[in-house]
Amino acid sequence: MNKLIPFFLFCITTQVFANSNRWEGVPLVEFKLQDQHGVERNNKEFLGSWLVLYFYPKDKTRGCTIEAQSFTDDYAQFQLLNTNIVGVSYDDVESHKDFAETYNMPFTLLADVNKKLTKALDVDSILPWPHASRQTFIVNPEGIIVKHYADVSPKKHSKELLKQLKSLHKNKSSISK
């Protein structure tokens, strides 16, 4: 039994890292989803700027609210980095509208009620109820996923993303010289 515990920990850790890296370098899947205003949005309209595509379990729950408020607080910094923030969950347009208005969110929330985008990016979860798991993708202006976060801390994630985006911008400008 004592030998099985390290083995299972190794398997779980390996799976997390394998899932985390498999998306990097892959084009973002095509999608068409309604935002909190009922407007259909698609992946192509985000080309030409950076995209933080973050998935979260449910509107107005504690962790999801903390994460969304952090993005709201840091929104101007993301804008300076030419970065759009887009949140995705299974909640419907009305729920997203209420969530965004309640917390004055200046960014887009997409309603993935049919779970197509969530399943395509393998961020769906069934335990303890069906929901999008808390994961994030950074997509470059060409539409390529450059970073995937499979493990997200709602309190720290916005700052973590800003740091990563600054590094990506720095690396991109040094490459183009």
Protein backbone atom coordinates (compact mmCIF):
# COMPACT_ATOMS: atom_id res chain seq x y z
CA MET A 1 0.00 0.00 0.00
CA ASN A 2 2.82 2.42 0.89
CA LYS A 3 4.31 1.92 -2.59
CA LEU A 4 1.00 2.69 -4.30
CA ILE A 5 0.60 6.19 -2.84
CA PRO A 6 3.77 7.62 -4.46
CA PHE A 7 2.81 5.89 -7.71
CA PHE A 8 -0.65 7.51 -7.74
CA LEU A 9 0.84 10.91 -6.88
CA PHE A 10 3.28 10.51 -9.77
CA CYS A 11 0.44 9.61 -12.16
CA ILE A 12 -1.69 12.57 -11.09
CA THR A 13 1.23 15.01 -11.33
CA THR A 14 2.23 13.66 -14.74
CA GLN A 15 -1.36 13.99 -15.98
CA VAL A 16 -1.58 17.63 -14.83
CA PHE A 17 1.67 18.55 -16.60
CA ALA A 18 0.74 16.58 -19.72
CA ASN A 19 -2.62 18.36 -19.94
CA SER A 20 -0.99 21.71 -19.26
CA ASN A 21 1.54 21.52 -22.09
CA ARG A 22 -0.47 19.75 -24.79
CA TRP A 23 -2.28 22.94 -25.82
CA GLU A 24 0.74 25.18 -26.15
CA GLY A 25 1.49 25.88 -29.83
CA VAL A 26 -1.99 24.77 -30.93
CA PRO A 27 -4.43 27.15 -32.67
CA LEU A 28 -7.43 28.13 -30.54
CA VAL A 29 -10.48 26.12 -31.58
CA GLU A 30 -13.17 27.98 -33.47
CA PHE A 31 -16.19 29.01 -31.43
CA LYS A 32 -19.39 31.04 -31.65
CA LEU A 33 -20.97 31.84 -28.29
CA GLN A 34 -23.22 34.57 -26.92
CA ASP A 35 -21.79 37.11 -24.51
CA GLN A 36 -23.53 38.66 -21.49
CA HIS A 37 -25.40 41.04 -23.85
CA GLY A 38 -26.71 38.28 -26.10
CA VAL A 39 -24.27 39.19 -28.90
CA GLU A 40 -22.70 36.25 -30.74
CA ARG A 41 -18.91 36.37 -30.44
CA ASN A 42 -16.33 34.21 -32.18
CA ASN A 43 -12.63 33.48 -31.90
CA LYS A 44 -11.72 35.41 -35.05
CA GLU A 45 -12.69 38.78 -33.59
CA PHE A 46 -9.93 38.44 -31.00
CA LEU A 47 -7.17 38.03 -33.60
CA GLY A 48 -4.67 40.88 -33.60
CA SER A 49 -4.53 41.18 -29.82
CA TRP A 50 -3.65 38.90 -26.93
CA LEU A 51 -6.43 36.91 -25.33
CA VAL A 52 -6.83 35.60 -21.81
CA LEU A 53 -9.52 32.93 -22.15
CA TYR A 54 -10.43 31.82 -18.67
CA PHE A 55 -12.90 29.13 -17.69
CA TYR A 56 -14.67 29.13 -14.36
CA PRO A 57 -17.33 26.97 -12.65
CA LYS A 58 -20.26 29.27 -11.85
CA ASP A 59 -21.32 32.90 -11.73
CA LYS A 60 -21.44 34.55 -8.31
CA THR A 61 -19.74 31.72 -6.43
CA ARG A 62 -16.97 32.72 -4.04
CA GLY A 63 -13.88 31.70 -6.03
CA CYS A 64 -15.33 32.82 -9.36
CA THR A 65 -16.26 36.21 -7.94
CA ILE A 66 -12.78 36.69 -6.43
CA GLU A 67 -11.16 35.80 -9.76
CA ALA A 68 -13.48 38.08 -11.77
CA GLN A 69 -12.95 40.98 -9.35
CA SER A 70 -9.18 40.58 -9.68
CA PHE A 71 -9.48 40.77 -13.47
CA THR A 72 -11.68 43.84 -13.09
CA ASP A 73 -9.19 45.51 -10.73
CA ASP A 74 -6.31 44.80 -13.15
CA TYR A 75 -8.27 45.47 -16.36
CA ALA A 76 -6.39 48.67 -17.28
CA GLN A 77 -3.07 46.83 -17.04
CA PHE A 78 -4.35 44.12 -19.39
CA GLN A 79 -5.50 46.81 -21.80
CA LEU A 80 -2.00 48.35 -21.80
CA LEU A 81 -0.71 44.93 -22.87
CA ASN A 82 -3.22 44.78 -25.77
CA THR A 83 -5.00 41.89 -24.05
CA ASN A 84 -8.68 40.96 -24.05
CA ILE A 85 -10.11 39.06 -21.12
CA VAL A 86 -12.89 36.57 -21.83
CA GLY A 87 -14.53 34.41 -19.18
CA VAL A 88 -16.42 31.22 -20.04
CA SER A 89 -18.79 29.06 -18.02
CA TYR A 90 -21.91 26.95 -18.53
CA ASP A 91 -24.09 29.76 -17.16
CA ASP A 92 -26.58 31.37 -19.54
CA VAL A 93 -26.63 34.91 -20.96
CA GLU A 94 -28.93 36.27 -18.22
CA SER A 95 -26.77 34.85 -15.44
CA HIS A 96 -23.65 36.36 -17.06
CA LYS A 97 -25.38 39.70 -17.50
CA ASP A 98 -26.34 39.81 -13.83
CA PHE A 99 -22.85 38.70 -12.73
CA ALA A 100 -21.10 41.29 -14.93
CA GLU A 101 -23.42 44.12 -13.86
CA THR A 102 -23.27 43.25 -10.16
CA TYR A 103 -19.46 43.43 -10.13
CA ASN A 104 -18.96 46.07 -12.89
CA MET A 105 -16.95 43.75 -15.10
CA PRO A 106 -15.57 45.54 -18.16
CA PHE A 107 -14.75 42.33 -20.04
CA THR A 108 -16.63 39.65 -21.96
CA LEU A 109 -18.34 36.63 -20.43
CA LEU A 110 -19.36 33.85 -22.82
CA ALA A 111 -22.25 31.47 -22.22
CA ASP A 112 -21.15 27.95 -23.16
CA VAL A 113 -24.52 26.43 -22.33
CA ASN A 114 -24.05 23.57 -24.82
CA LYS A 115 -20.55 22.93 -23.42
CA LYS A 116 -18.97 22.81 -26.89
CA LEU A 117 -15.97 25.08 -26.25
CA THR A 118 -15.41 23.70 -22.78
CA LYS A 119 -15.37 20.13 -24.05
CA ALA A 120 -13.23 21.03 -27.10
CA LEU A 121 -10.55 22.39 -24.77
CA ASP A 122 -11.06 19.54 -22.30
CA VAL A 123 -11.85 21.76 -19.32
CA ASP A 124 -15.20 20.21 -18.46
CA SER A 125 -15.71 18.54 -15.13
CA ILE A 126 -18.55 16.45 -13.74
CA LEU A 127 -17.60 16.36 -10.07
CA PRO A 128 -19.29 17.44 -7.85
CA TRP A 129 -21.64 18.75 -10.59
CA PRO A 130 -21.20 19.44 -14.32
CA HIS A 131 -19.15 22.64 -14.75
CA ALA A 132 -16.17 24.19 -16.49
CA SER A 133 -13.06 23.64 -14.43
CA ARG A 134 -10.98 26.66 -13.46
CA GLN A 135 -8.37 26.82 -16.23
CA THR A 136 -6.91 29.57 -18.42
CA PHE A 137 -5.39 29.87 -21.87
CA ILE A 138 -3.24 32.73 -23.13
CA VAL A 139 -3.68 33.10 -26.89
CA ASN A 140 -1.32 35.23 -28.96
CA PRO A 141 -2.48 37.77 -31.59
CA GLU A 142 -2.17 35.10 -34.31
CA GLY A 143 -4.67 32.84 -32.50
CA ILE A 144 -2.15 30.32 -31.13
CA ILE A 145 -2.32 29.10 -27.54
CA VAL A 146 1.01 29.99 -25.94
CA LYS A 147 0.27 29.14 -22.31
CA HIS A 148 -2.22 26.90 -20.52
CA TYR A 149 -2.88 27.04 -16.80
CA ALA A 150 -4.48 23.83 -15.58
CA ASP A 151 -4.25 24.86 -11.93
CA VAL A 152 -5.51 28.33 -11.04
CA SER A 153 -5.65 30.24 -7.77
CA PRO A 154 -8.53 32.77 -7.98
CA LYS A 155 -6.75 35.29 -5.72
CA LYS A 156 -3.36 35.24 -7.47
CA HIS A 157 -4.21 34.40 -11.07
CA SER A 158 -4.68 37.88 -12.52
CA LYS A 159 -1.26 39.02 -11.29
CA GLU A 160 0.28 35.76 -12.50
CA LEU A 161 -1.17 36.36 -15.98
CA LEU A 162 0.04 39.96 -16.09
CA LYS A 163 3.56 38.80 -15.25
CA GLN A 164 3.40 36.11 -17.94
CA LEU A 165 2.04 38.55 -20.55
CA LYS A 166 4.79 41.07 -19.81
CA SER A 167 7.34 38.30 -20.31
CA LEU A 168 5.70 37.23 -23.57
CA HIS A 169 5.70 40.82 -24.84
CA LYS A 170 9.35 41.24 -23.87
CA ASN A 171 10.33 38.00 -25.61
CA LYS A 172 8.34 38.86 -28.72
CA SER A 173 9.94 42.31 -29.03
CA SER A 174 13.44 40.88 -28.56
CA ILE A 175 12.77 38.24 -31.23
CA SER A 176 11.57 40.81 -33.77
CA LYS A 177 14.75 42.92 -33.41
